Amino acid sequence: IQLTGVRHDQPPQLVSVTYPWTVQTAVAEDRLTRLVETAKRNSPVFQTLALAIPVSGTVMRTDEAAPI
């Protein structure tokens, strides 16, 4: 996951966060969707940010091996 934050200088504040999330998996699309929703629901960081600012992203599937 790579996070990108948008901020304003005056007043200094974070105004949004976006992310692309690349997942290496062969599971069915419905299982991947459930994984993403579960991760969002059970992440204290995601939940805290989402209460304060817009958080959005995309989930991309890949069959390529991730670098170690």
Protein backbone atom coordinates (compact mmCIF):
# COMPACT_ATOMS: atom_id res chain seq x y z
CA ILE A 1 0.00 0.00 0.00
CA GLN A 2 1.25 3.46 -0.89
CA LEU A 3 -0.45 6.41 0.80
CA THR A 4 -0.68 9.90 -0.65
CA GLY A 5 -1.79 12.75 1.56
CA VAL A 6 -3.03 16.16 0.45
CA ARG A 7 -2.44 19.03 2.82
CA HIS A 8 -3.07 22.74 3.03
CA ASP A 9 -0.48 25.19 4.31
CA GLN A 10 -2.94 27.76 5.69
CA PRO A 11 -4.24 26.49 8.00
CA PRO A 12 -1.81 23.56 8.20
CA GLN A 13 -3.95 20.47 7.91
CA LEU A 14 -4.25 17.15 6.13
CA VAL A 15 -7.31 17.28 3.87
CA SER A 16 -7.40 13.85 2.19
CA VAL A 17 -5.62 10.53 1.78
CA THR A 18 -5.65 8.26 -1.27
CA TYR A 19 -4.06 4.87 -1.80
CA PRO A 20 -3.48 2.24 -4.46
CA TRP A 21 -3.43 -1.23 -2.88
CA THR A 22 -1.93 -4.03 -4.96
CA VAL A 23 -2.81 -7.53 -3.81
CA GLN A 24 -1.18 -10.69 -5.14
CA THR A 25 -3.91 -13.32 -4.96
CA ALA A 26 -5.87 -15.89 -6.89
CA VAL A 27 -9.01 -15.71 -4.71
CA ALA A 28 -12.41 -14.92 -6.18
CA GLU A 29 -13.44 -11.28 -6.54
CA ASP A 30 -16.07 -11.52 -3.77
CA ARG A 31 -13.46 -12.83 -1.30
CA LEU A 32 -11.07 -10.03 -2.23
CA THR A 33 -13.84 -7.48 -1.69
CA ARG A 34 -14.58 -8.98 1.75
CA LEU A 35 -10.87 -8.86 2.62
CA VAL A 36 -10.67 -5.16 1.75
CA GLU A 37 -13.83 -4.29 3.71
CA THR A 38 -12.62 -6.30 6.72
CA ALA A 39 -9.22 -4.60 6.62
CA LYS A 40 -10.87 -1.16 6.56
CA ARG A 41 -13.32 -2.01 9.33
CA ASN A 42 -10.64 -3.46 11.64
CA SER A 43 -7.91 -0.87 11.06
CA PRO A 44 -7.72 1.74 13.84
CA VAL A 45 -5.60 3.98 11.60
CA PHE A 46 -8.08 3.81 8.70
CA GLN A 47 -11.06 4.37 11.00
CA THR A 48 -9.42 7.34 12.75
CA LEU A 49 -8.46 9.01 9.47
CA ALA A 50 -11.86 8.32 7.88
CA LEU A 51 -13.61 10.10 10.76
CA ALA A 52 -11.61 13.26 10.09
CA ILE A 53 -10.93 13.41 6.34
CA PRO A 54 -11.89 11.68 3.08
CA VAL A 55 -9.96 8.44 2.57
CA SER A 56 -10.27 6.68 -0.78
CA GLY A 57 -8.35 4.23 -2.86
CA THR A 58 -8.24 1.49 -5.41
CA VAL A 59 -7.51 -2.19 -5.05
CA MET A 60 -5.62 -3.86 -7.87
CA ARG A 61 -5.06 -7.57 -8.28
CA THR A 62 -1.81 -9.01 -9.62
CA ASP A 63 -0.51 -12.50 -10.25
CA GLU A 64 3.11 -11.33 -10.19
CA ALA A 65 5.28 -12.23 -7.23
CA ALA A 66 5.90 -9.32 -4.88
CA PRO A 67 9.53 -8.31 -4.28
CA ILE A 68 10.94 -9.40 -0.94
